[in-house]
Amino acid sequence: MDKPSKDLSLDVEEIKKLLPHRAPFLFLERLTDIVPNESATGYKAVSMNEPHFQGHFPDYAVMPGVLIVEAMAQTAGALVVYSLGHNSPSRKVYFMTIDKARFRRPVRPGDMLRFPVKAIRHRGPVWRFSGEAFVGDELCAEAEFSAMIFDGNDDNSSDGNR
C-alpha cells in the first residue's frame, strides 16, 4: 500500500483535465491524499448559487442526495484517471451501479463537503469504490458504486442513455 501524497493537491483546473464534467455539473473542487489506484479525498464548498437550490428546496435549501453521490463518484473518477494517466479529452466515465446508499444528515449552503473514497476492486476499465461524505466530522452520506472509464472515441457503448 502506497502512502498518501499529502503534498499533492489538485485544484479545479487540474481536475477539469481529468474529468469531462463542467459547471454546473462538476461537483469536485480539490483532490488530496492521493494514493494512486487506491484512495483519495475530494472537497466541495456548497454554495447557495448552485442551480439545484432554486427548486430543492426554495424555503430550506438542501443539496440533493444523488448529487452528493455524484460528487463521490467524480472524486473516484478523478483518482482513477490520475492513476492511469488517461487524461485524454475524449475519455468518459459512466456510472454502472450505486449500492448501499445512505443519507445521514442534510447538506446545506455554506457546508464544506469532504469525500474520502477507497477502491474496493477493479477489473479492466470497471472500478468499484466505497465513498463517504462528511461536513466536518459528521457523516452525511455513504455509498458503494461502480463505474466504467473508456475512451469516448471508442464505440464501446451502444447505450446512449448513460
N, C-alpha and C. Protein backbone atom coordinates (compact mmCIF):
# COMPACT_ATOMS: atom_id res chain seq x y z
N MET A 1 0.84 -1.18 0.00
CA MET A 1 0.00 0.00 0.00
C MET A 1 0.88 1.24 0.00
N ASP A 2 0.63 2.14 -0.94
CA ASP A 2 1.38 3.38 -1.02
C ASP A 2 0.91 4.34 0.05
N LYS A 3 1.80 5.27 0.41
CA LYS A 3 1.44 6.32 1.35
C LYS A 3 0.70 7.42 0.60
N PRO A 4 -0.27 8.09 1.27
CA PRO A 4 -0.93 9.20 0.61
C PRO A 4 0.06 10.32 0.35
N SER A 5 -0.11 10.97 -0.77
CA SER A 5 0.72 12.11 -1.09
C SER A 5 0.09 13.36 -0.49
N LYS A 6 0.49 13.69 0.74
CA LYS A 6 -0.08 14.84 1.46
C LYS A 6 0.25 16.14 0.75
N ASP A 7 1.39 16.16 0.05
CA ASP A 7 1.81 17.39 -0.62
C ASP A 7 1.09 17.61 -1.94
N LEU A 8 0.57 16.54 -2.52
CA LEU A 8 -0.08 16.65 -3.81
C LEU A 8 -1.53 17.05 -3.62
N SER A 9 -1.90 18.15 -4.22
CA SER A 9 -3.27 18.61 -4.17
C SER A 9 -3.62 19.12 -5.55
N LEU A 10 -4.70 18.60 -6.11
CA LEU A 10 -5.15 19.04 -7.43
C LEU A 10 -6.27 20.05 -7.26
N ASP A 11 -6.16 21.20 -7.94
CA ASP A 11 -7.23 22.19 -7.88
C ASP A 11 -8.24 21.93 -9.00
N VAL A 12 -9.25 22.77 -9.08
CA VAL A 12 -10.35 22.53 -10.02
C VAL A 12 -9.86 22.55 -11.48
N GLU A 13 -8.89 23.38 -11.79
CA GLU A 13 -8.39 23.41 -13.17
C GLU A 13 -7.67 22.11 -13.53
N GLU A 14 -6.93 21.55 -12.59
CA GLU A 14 -6.27 20.26 -12.82
C GLU A 14 -7.29 19.13 -12.88
N ILE A 15 -8.34 19.22 -12.06
CA ILE A 15 -9.41 18.22 -12.08
C ILE A 15 -10.13 18.23 -13.42
N LYS A 16 -10.33 19.40 -13.99
CA LYS A 16 -11.00 19.51 -15.30
C LYS A 16 -10.20 18.85 -16.42
N LYS A 17 -8.90 18.67 -16.21
CA LYS A 17 -8.09 17.93 -17.19
C LYS A 17 -8.31 16.43 -17.07
N LEU A 18 -8.84 15.99 -15.91
CA LEU A 18 -9.06 14.56 -15.66
C LEU A 18 -10.49 14.12 -15.94
N LEU A 19 -11.46 15.00 -15.69
CA LEU A 19 -12.88 14.65 -15.82
C LEU A 19 -13.52 15.42 -16.97
N PRO A 20 -14.51 14.82 -17.63
CA PRO A 20 -15.22 15.53 -18.70
C PRO A 20 -16.28 16.50 -18.18
N HIS A 21 -16.61 16.45 -16.90
CA HIS A 21 -17.67 17.27 -16.32
C HIS A 21 -17.28 18.75 -16.29
N ARG A 22 -18.28 19.60 -16.44
CA ARG A 22 -18.12 21.05 -16.35
C ARG A 22 -19.30 21.62 -15.59
N ALA A 23 -19.14 22.86 -15.14
CA ALA A 23 -20.23 23.54 -14.43
C ALA A 23 -21.46 23.56 -15.33
N PRO A 24 -22.63 23.36 -14.77
CA PRO A 24 -22.92 23.27 -13.34
C PRO A 24 -22.90 21.84 -12.80
N PHE A 25 -22.26 20.90 -13.53
CA PHE A 25 -22.29 19.51 -13.09
C PHE A 25 -20.93 18.98 -12.64
N LEU A 26 -19.99 19.87 -12.39
CA LEU A 26 -18.72 19.47 -11.79
C LEU A 26 -18.83 19.75 -10.30
N PHE A 27 -18.80 18.71 -9.48
CA PHE A 27 -19.02 18.84 -8.03
C PHE A 27 -17.75 18.56 -7.23
N LEU A 28 -16.61 18.71 -7.84
CA LEU A 28 -15.34 18.43 -7.19
C LEU A 28 -14.42 19.63 -7.43
N GLU A 29 -13.92 20.23 -6.33
CA GLU A 29 -13.09 21.43 -6.45
C GLU A 29 -11.64 21.21 -6.07
N ARG A 30 -11.37 20.15 -5.30
CA ARG A 30 -10.00 19.87 -4.86
C ARG A 30 -9.88 18.38 -4.61
N LEU A 31 -8.71 17.83 -4.90
CA LEU A 31 -8.42 16.41 -4.66
C LEU A 31 -7.11 16.32 -3.89
N THR A 32 -7.13 15.61 -2.73
CA THR A 32 -5.94 15.50 -1.89
C THR A 32 -5.77 14.05 -1.43
N ASP A 33 -4.75 13.81 -0.62
CA ASP A 33 -4.50 12.49 -0.01
C ASP A 33 -4.52 11.38 -1.06
N ILE A 34 -3.93 11.64 -2.20
CA ILE A 34 -4.00 10.71 -3.32
C ILE A 34 -3.04 9.54 -3.12
N VAL A 35 -3.60 8.34 -3.14
CA VAL A 35 -2.82 7.11 -3.18
C VAL A 35 -3.22 6.45 -4.50
N PRO A 36 -2.37 6.55 -5.54
CA PRO A 36 -2.77 6.04 -6.85
C PRO A 36 -3.35 4.63 -6.80
N ASN A 37 -4.45 4.46 -7.52
CA ASN A 37 -5.17 3.18 -7.64
C ASN A 37 -5.85 2.73 -6.35
N GLU A 38 -5.79 3.53 -5.28
CA GLU A 38 -6.35 3.08 -4.00
C GLU A 38 -7.35 4.05 -3.38
N SER A 39 -6.96 5.32 -3.17
CA SER A 39 -7.83 6.22 -2.43
C SER A 39 -7.47 7.68 -2.68
N ALA A 40 -8.40 8.55 -2.35
CA ALA A 40 -8.19 10.00 -2.42
C ALA A 40 -9.32 10.67 -1.64
N THR A 41 -9.16 11.97 -1.42
CA THR A 41 -10.19 12.75 -0.75
C THR A 41 -10.53 13.95 -1.62
N GLY A 42 -11.81 14.12 -1.88
CA GLY A 42 -12.28 15.26 -2.66
C GLY A 42 -12.97 16.27 -1.76
N TYR A 43 -13.07 17.51 -2.24
CA TYR A 43 -13.70 18.59 -1.48
C TYR A 43 -14.61 19.40 -2.38
N LYS A 44 -15.68 19.89 -1.78
CA LYS A 44 -16.60 20.79 -2.47
C LYS A 44 -17.19 21.77 -1.48
N ALA A 45 -17.09 23.05 -1.78
CA ALA A 45 -17.76 24.09 -0.99
C ALA A 45 -19.17 24.25 -1.55
N VAL A 46 -20.16 24.05 -0.71
CA VAL A 46 -21.56 24.12 -1.15
C VAL A 46 -22.02 25.57 -1.08
N SER A 47 -22.49 26.08 -2.22
CA SER A 47 -22.87 27.49 -2.33
C SER A 47 -24.36 27.64 -2.67
N MET A 48 -24.98 28.66 -2.13
CA MET A 48 -26.39 28.92 -2.41
C MET A 48 -26.62 29.25 -3.88
N ASN A 49 -25.58 29.63 -4.60
CA ASN A 49 -25.71 30.00 -6.01
C ASN A 49 -25.85 28.80 -6.95
N GLU A 50 -25.77 27.59 -6.44
CA GLU A 50 -25.87 26.41 -7.30
C GLU A 50 -27.31 26.26 -7.79
N PRO A 51 -27.49 25.93 -9.08
CA PRO A 51 -28.84 25.95 -9.66
C PRO A 51 -29.85 24.99 -9.03
N HIS A 52 -29.42 23.87 -8.47
CA HIS A 52 -30.38 22.92 -7.90
C HIS A 52 -31.09 23.48 -6.67
N PHE A 53 -30.50 24.48 -6.02
CA PHE A 53 -31.13 25.05 -4.82
C PHE A 53 -32.37 25.89 -5.15
N GLN A 54 -32.54 26.27 -6.40
CA GLN A 54 -33.74 27.02 -6.78
C GLN A 54 -35.01 26.20 -6.55
N GLY A 55 -34.89 24.89 -6.69
CA GLY A 55 -36.07 24.04 -6.53
C GLY A 55 -35.96 23.00 -5.44
N HIS A 56 -34.81 22.91 -4.79
CA HIS A 56 -34.58 21.84 -3.80
C HIS A 56 -33.98 22.41 -2.52
N PHE A 57 -34.59 22.99 -1.70
CA PHE A 57 -35.98 23.44 -1.67
C PHE A 57 -35.93 24.95 -1.47
N PRO A 58 -36.83 25.71 -2.10
CA PRO A 58 -36.73 27.17 -2.04
C PRO A 58 -36.72 27.74 -0.62
N ASP A 59 -37.47 27.16 0.30
CA ASP A 59 -37.55 27.70 1.66
C ASP A 59 -36.54 27.08 2.63
N TYR A 60 -35.89 25.98 2.22
CA TYR A 60 -34.91 25.31 3.08
C TYR A 60 -33.98 24.52 2.16
N ALA A 61 -32.95 25.19 1.64
CA ALA A 61 -32.07 24.61 0.64
C ALA A 61 -31.33 23.40 1.19
N VAL A 62 -31.45 22.28 0.47
CA VAL A 62 -30.77 21.03 0.81
C VAL A 62 -30.16 20.46 -0.46
N MET A 63 -28.88 20.10 -0.41
CA MET A 63 -28.24 19.50 -1.59
C MET A 63 -28.84 18.12 -1.83
N PRO A 64 -29.32 17.86 -3.06
CA PRO A 64 -29.89 16.54 -3.35
C PRO A 64 -28.89 15.41 -3.11
N GLY A 65 -29.36 14.35 -2.49
CA GLY A 65 -28.50 13.21 -2.18
C GLY A 65 -27.85 12.61 -3.40
N VAL A 66 -28.55 12.57 -4.52
CA VAL A 66 -27.96 11.99 -5.73
C VAL A 66 -26.76 12.81 -6.19
N LEU A 67 -26.77 14.12 -5.92
CA LEU A 67 -25.62 14.94 -6.30
C LEU A 67 -24.45 14.72 -5.35
N ILE A 68 -24.73 14.38 -4.11
CA ILE A 68 -23.66 14.03 -3.17
C ILE A 68 -22.99 12.74 -3.64
N VAL A 69 -23.79 11.75 -4.05
CA VAL A 69 -23.21 10.51 -4.58
C VAL A 69 -22.45 10.79 -5.87
N GLU A 70 -22.97 11.66 -6.71
CA GLU A 70 -22.26 12.05 -7.93
C GLU A 70 -20.90 12.66 -7.60
N ALA A 71 -20.84 13.50 -6.57
CA ALA A 71 -19.57 14.12 -6.17
C ALA A 71 -18.58 13.06 -5.68
N MET A 72 -19.07 12.06 -4.95
CA MET A 72 -18.21 10.95 -4.53
C MET A 72 -17.66 10.24 -5.77
N ALA A 73 -18.53 9.99 -6.74
CA ALA A 73 -18.11 9.29 -7.95
C ALA A 73 -17.12 10.12 -8.76
N GLN A 74 -17.31 11.43 -8.80
CA GLN A 74 -16.35 12.28 -9.51
C GLN A 74 -14.99 12.24 -8.82
N THR A 75 -14.99 12.17 -7.49
CA THR A 75 -13.74 12.04 -6.74
C THR A 75 -13.04 10.75 -7.16
N ALA A 76 -13.78 9.65 -7.19
CA ALA A 76 -13.22 8.35 -7.59
C ALA A 76 -12.75 8.39 -9.05
N GLY A 77 -13.56 8.97 -9.92
CA GLY A 77 -13.19 9.06 -11.33
C GLY A 77 -11.90 9.85 -11.54
N ALA A 78 -11.76 10.97 -10.83
CA ALA A 78 -10.53 11.77 -10.95
C ALA A 78 -9.33 10.96 -10.45
N LEU A 79 -9.51 10.21 -9.36
CA LEU A 79 -8.43 9.37 -8.85
C LEU A 79 -8.01 8.34 -9.90
N VAL A 80 -8.97 7.66 -10.50
CA VAL A 80 -8.64 6.61 -11.47
C VAL A 80 -7.94 7.20 -12.69
N VAL A 81 -8.48 8.27 -13.24
CA VAL A 81 -7.87 8.87 -14.43
C VAL A 81 -6.47 9.38 -14.10
N TYR A 82 -6.31 9.99 -12.93
CA TYR A 82 -4.98 10.44 -12.49
C TYR A 82 -4.03 9.24 -12.38
N SER A 83 -4.49 8.18 -11.74
CA SER A 83 -3.65 7.00 -11.51
C SER A 83 -3.22 6.35 -12.81
N LEU A 84 -4.12 6.29 -13.78
CA LEU A 84 -3.83 5.62 -15.05
C LEU A 84 -3.15 6.53 -16.06
N GLY A 85 -3.14 7.84 -15.79
CA GLY A 85 -2.55 8.78 -16.74
C GLY A 85 -3.37 8.95 -18.00
N HIS A 86 -4.65 8.66 -17.94
CA HIS A 86 -5.54 8.77 -19.10
C HIS A 86 -6.20 10.14 -19.15
N ASN A 87 -5.44 11.16 -19.37
CA ASN A 87 -6.04 12.48 -19.40
C ASN A 87 -6.41 12.92 -20.81
N SER A 88 -6.92 12.00 -21.59
CA SER A 88 -7.39 12.28 -22.94
C SER A 88 -8.70 13.07 -22.87
N PRO A 89 -8.85 14.09 -23.70
CA PRO A 89 -10.09 14.87 -23.66
C PRO A 89 -11.33 14.07 -24.09
N SER A 90 -11.14 12.92 -24.69
CA SER A 90 -12.30 12.14 -25.16
C SER A 90 -12.75 11.07 -24.16
N ARG A 91 -12.04 10.91 -23.03
CA ARG A 91 -12.41 9.87 -22.08
C ARG A 91 -13.77 10.16 -21.44
N LYS A 92 -14.46 9.09 -21.09
CA LYS A 92 -15.78 9.18 -20.45
C LYS A 92 -15.78 8.28 -19.22
N VAL A 93 -16.58 8.67 -18.24
CA VAL A 93 -16.76 7.88 -17.03
C VAL A 93 -18.26 7.65 -16.89
N TYR A 94 -18.68 6.40 -16.87
CA TYR A 94 -20.10 6.06 -16.77
C TYR A 94 -20.39 5.32 -15.47
N PHE A 95 -21.39 5.79 -14.75
CA PHE A 95 -21.89 5.05 -13.60
C PHE A 95 -22.42 3.70 -14.07
N MET A 96 -22.19 2.66 -13.28
CA MET A 96 -22.77 1.36 -13.58
C MET A 96 -23.71 0.93 -12.46
N THR A 97 -23.29 1.11 -11.20
CA THR A 97 -24.15 0.74 -10.07
C THR A 97 -23.97 1.74 -8.94
N ILE A 98 -25.00 1.86 -8.13
CA ILE A 98 -24.94 2.57 -6.86
C ILE A 98 -25.62 1.64 -5.84
N ASP A 99 -24.89 1.27 -4.80
CA ASP A 99 -25.40 0.35 -3.79
C ASP A 99 -25.16 0.92 -2.40
N LYS A 100 -25.95 0.45 -1.47
CA LYS A 100 -25.78 0.76 -0.05
C LYS A 100 -25.75 2.26 0.22
N ALA A 101 -26.47 3.03 -0.57
CA ALA A 101 -26.51 4.49 -0.36
C ALA A 101 -27.33 4.80 0.88
N ARG A 102 -26.75 5.62 1.73
CA ARG A 102 -27.42 6.06 2.96
C ARG A 102 -27.16 7.54 3.13
N PHE A 103 -28.21 8.26 3.51
CA PHE A 103 -28.11 9.69 3.72
C PHE A 103 -28.40 9.96 5.18
N ARG A 104 -27.45 10.58 5.87
CA ARG A 104 -27.49 10.70 7.33
C ARG A 104 -27.90 12.07 7.84
N ARG A 105 -27.58 13.12 7.08
CA ARG A 105 -27.90 14.49 7.51
C ARG A 105 -27.95 15.38 6.30
N PRO A 106 -28.79 16.43 6.33
CA PRO A 106 -28.86 17.33 5.18
C PRO A 106 -27.55 18.11 4.99
N VAL A 107 -27.23 18.36 3.73
CA VAL A 107 -26.11 19.21 3.37
C VAL A 107 -26.70 20.51 2.86
N ARG A 108 -26.21 21.63 3.41
CA ARG A 108 -26.81 22.93 3.14
C ARG A 108 -25.77 23.92 2.61
N PRO A 109 -26.25 24.97 1.97
CA PRO A 109 -25.30 26.00 1.53
C PRO A 109 -24.44 26.48 2.70
N GLY A 110 -23.16 26.69 2.41
CA GLY A 110 -22.20 27.08 3.43
C GLY A 110 -21.40 25.91 3.97
N ASP A 111 -21.87 24.69 3.73
CA ASP A 111 -21.14 23.49 4.19
C ASP A 111 -19.93 23.23 3.29
N MET A 112 -18.88 22.68 3.88
CA MET A 112 -17.72 22.20 3.12
C MET A 112 -17.77 20.68 3.16
N LEU A 113 -18.01 20.07 2.00
CA LEU A 113 -18.09 18.62 1.91
C LEU A 113 -16.71 18.03 1.68
N ARG A 114 -16.46 16.93 2.34
CA ARG A 114 -15.22 16.16 2.19
C ARG A 114 -15.62 14.74 1.81
N PHE A 115 -15.00 14.22 0.73
CA PHE A 115 -15.37 12.91 0.19
C PHE A 115 -14.18 11.96 0.17
N PRO A 116 -13.92 11.21 1.23
CA PRO A 116 -12.89 10.17 1.12
C PRO A 116 -13.47 8.98 0.34
N VAL A 117 -12.73 8.51 -0.65
CA VAL A 117 -13.15 7.35 -1.44
C VAL A 117 -12.03 6.32 -1.43
N LYS A 118 -12.43 5.04 -1.47
CA LYS A 118 -11.46 3.94 -1.47
C LYS A 118 -11.86 2.93 -2.54
N ALA A 119 -10.89 2.51 -3.32
CA ALA A 119 -11.13 1.47 -4.31
C ALA A 119 -11.34 0.14 -3.60
N ILE A 120 -12.40 -0.55 -3.97
CA ILE A 120 -12.67 -1.89 -3.44
C ILE A 120 -12.03 -2.93 -4.36
N ARG A 121 -12.21 -2.74 -5.67
CA ARG A 121 -11.60 -3.62 -6.66
C ARG A 121 -11.74 -2.99 -8.04
N HIS A 122 -10.97 -3.53 -8.97
CA HIS A 122 -11.15 -3.13 -10.37
C HIS A 122 -10.70 -4.26 -11.28
N ARG A 123 -11.37 -4.32 -12.39
CA ARG A 123 -11.05 -5.30 -13.42
C ARG A 123 -11.18 -4.58 -14.76
N GLY A 124 -10.07 -4.42 -15.44
CA GLY A 124 -10.08 -3.69 -16.71
C GLY A 124 -10.57 -2.26 -16.48
N PRO A 125 -11.54 -1.80 -17.29
CA PRO A 125 -12.00 -0.42 -17.15
C PRO A 125 -13.06 -0.22 -16.07
N VAL A 126 -13.46 -1.30 -15.39
CA VAL A 126 -14.53 -1.21 -14.39
C VAL A 126 -13.93 -1.15 -12.98
N TRP A 127 -14.34 -0.12 -12.22
CA TRP A 127 -13.84 0.11 -10.87
C TRP A 127 -15.00 0.16 -9.90
N ARG A 128 -14.80 -0.39 -8.71
CA ARG A 128 -15.79 -0.32 -7.63
C ARG A 128 -15.17 0.41 -6.45
N PHE A 129 -15.92 1.35 -5.88
CA PHE A 129 -15.45 2.19 -4.79
C PHE A 129 -16.45 2.23 -3.65
N SER A 130 -15.94 2.54 -2.47
CA SER A 130 -16.79 2.96 -1.37
C SER A 130 -16.47 4.43 -1.14
N GLY A 131 -17.49 5.18 -0.78
CA GLY A 131 -17.29 6.60 -0.55
C GLY A 131 -18.13 7.09 0.60
N GLU A 132 -17.68 8.15 1.21
CA GLU A 132 -18.41 8.80 2.29
C GLU A 132 -18.38 10.30 2.03
N ALA A 133 -19.36 10.99 2.61
CA ALA A 133 -19.41 12.44 2.54
C ALA A 133 -19.53 12.97 3.96
N PHE A 134 -18.64 13.88 4.31
CA PHE A 134 -18.62 14.47 5.64
C PHE A 134 -18.73 15.98 5.56
N VAL A 135 -19.38 16.58 6.55
CA VAL A 135 -19.26 18.00 6.84
C VAL A 135 -18.60 18.05 8.21
N GLY A 136 -17.39 18.60 8.26
CA GLY A 136 -16.60 18.49 9.49
C GLY A 136 -16.34 17.01 9.76
N ASP A 137 -16.66 16.57 10.97
CA ASP A 137 -16.50 15.16 11.32
C ASP A 137 -17.81 14.39 11.25
N GLU A 138 -18.87 15.04 10.77
CA GLU A 138 -20.19 14.42 10.75
C GLU A 138 -20.47 13.74 9.41
N LEU A 139 -20.75 12.43 9.46
CA LEU A 139 -21.07 11.67 8.27
C LEU A 139 -22.43 12.11 7.73
N CYS A 140 -22.45 12.51 6.46
CA CYS A 140 -23.69 12.96 5.81
C CYS A 140 -24.27 11.90 4.88
N ALA A 141 -23.39 11.16 4.20
CA ALA A 141 -23.83 10.17 3.23
C ALA A 141 -22.72 9.15 3.02
N GLU A 142 -23.13 7.98 2.53
CA GLU A 142 -22.18 6.93 2.19
C GLU A 142 -22.79 6.07 1.10
N ALA A 143 -21.93 5.44 0.30
CA ALA A 143 -22.41 4.58 -0.78
C ALA A 143 -21.26 3.75 -1.32
N GLU A 144 -21.61 2.67 -1.99
CA GLU A 144 -20.68 1.94 -2.84
C GLU A 144 -21.17 2.14 -4.26
N PHE A 145 -20.24 2.23 -5.19
CA PHE A 145 -20.62 2.50 -6.58
C PHE A 145 -19.56 1.93 -7.51
N SER A 146 -19.98 1.66 -8.73
CA SER A 146 -19.02 1.23 -9.74
C SER A 146 -19.21 2.07 -10.99
N ALA A 147 -18.12 2.17 -11.73
CA ALA A 147 -18.13 2.97 -12.95
C ALA A 147 -17.17 2.35 -13.95
N MET A 148 -17.39 2.69 -15.21
CA MET A 148 -16.53 2.25 -16.28
C MET A 148 -15.89 3.49 -16.90
N ILE A 149 -14.60 3.42 -17.14
CA ILE A 149 -13.87 4.51 -17.77
C ILE A 149 -13.41 4.02 -19.13
N PHE A 150 -13.69 4.81 -20.17
CA PHE A 150 -13.24 4.41 -21.51
C PHE A 150 -13.00 5.64 -22.35
N ASP A 151 -12.29 5.43 -23.44
CA ASP A 151 -12.00 6.50 -24.38
C ASP A 151 -13.26 6.75 -25.19
N GLY A 152 -13.76 7.96 -25.17
CA GLY A 152 -15.00 8.31 -25.86
C GLY A 152 -14.93 8.15 -27.36
N ASN A 153 -13.72 8.01 -27.91
CA ASN A 153 -13.59 7.78 -29.35
C ASN A 153 -13.87 6.33 -29.70
N ASP A 154 -13.79 5.43 -28.69
CA ASP A 154 -14.12 4.04 -28.91
C ASP A 154 -15.63 3.90 -28.92
N ASP A 155 -16.16 3.01 -29.71
CA ASP A 155 -17.60 2.78 -29.71
C ASP A 155 -17.91 1.61 -28.79
N ASN A 156 -17.55 1.76 -27.50
CA ASN A 156 -17.74 0.69 -26.52
C ASN A 156 -19.17 0.59 -26.03
N SER A 157 -19.97 1.58 -26.30
CA SER A 157 -21.29 1.60 -25.71
C SER A 157 -22.33 1.90 -26.75
N SER A 158 -23.28 1.02 -26.90
CA SER A 158 -24.40 1.29 -27.79
C SER A 158 -25.53 1.94 -27.03
N ASP A 159 -25.39 2.06 -25.71
CA ASP A 159 -26.44 2.64 -24.87
C ASP A 159 -26.17 4.13 -24.72
N GLY A 160 -26.89 4.95 -25.44
CA GLY A 160 -26.72 6.39 -25.37
C GLY A 160 -27.42 7.01 -24.18
N ASN A 161 -28.04 6.22 -23.32
CA ASN A 161 -28.79 6.76 -22.19
C ASN A 161 -27.99 6.86 -20.92
N ARG A 162 -26.72 6.57 -20.95
CA ARG A 162 -25.93 6.62 -19.72
C ARG A 162 -25.63 8.04 -19.45
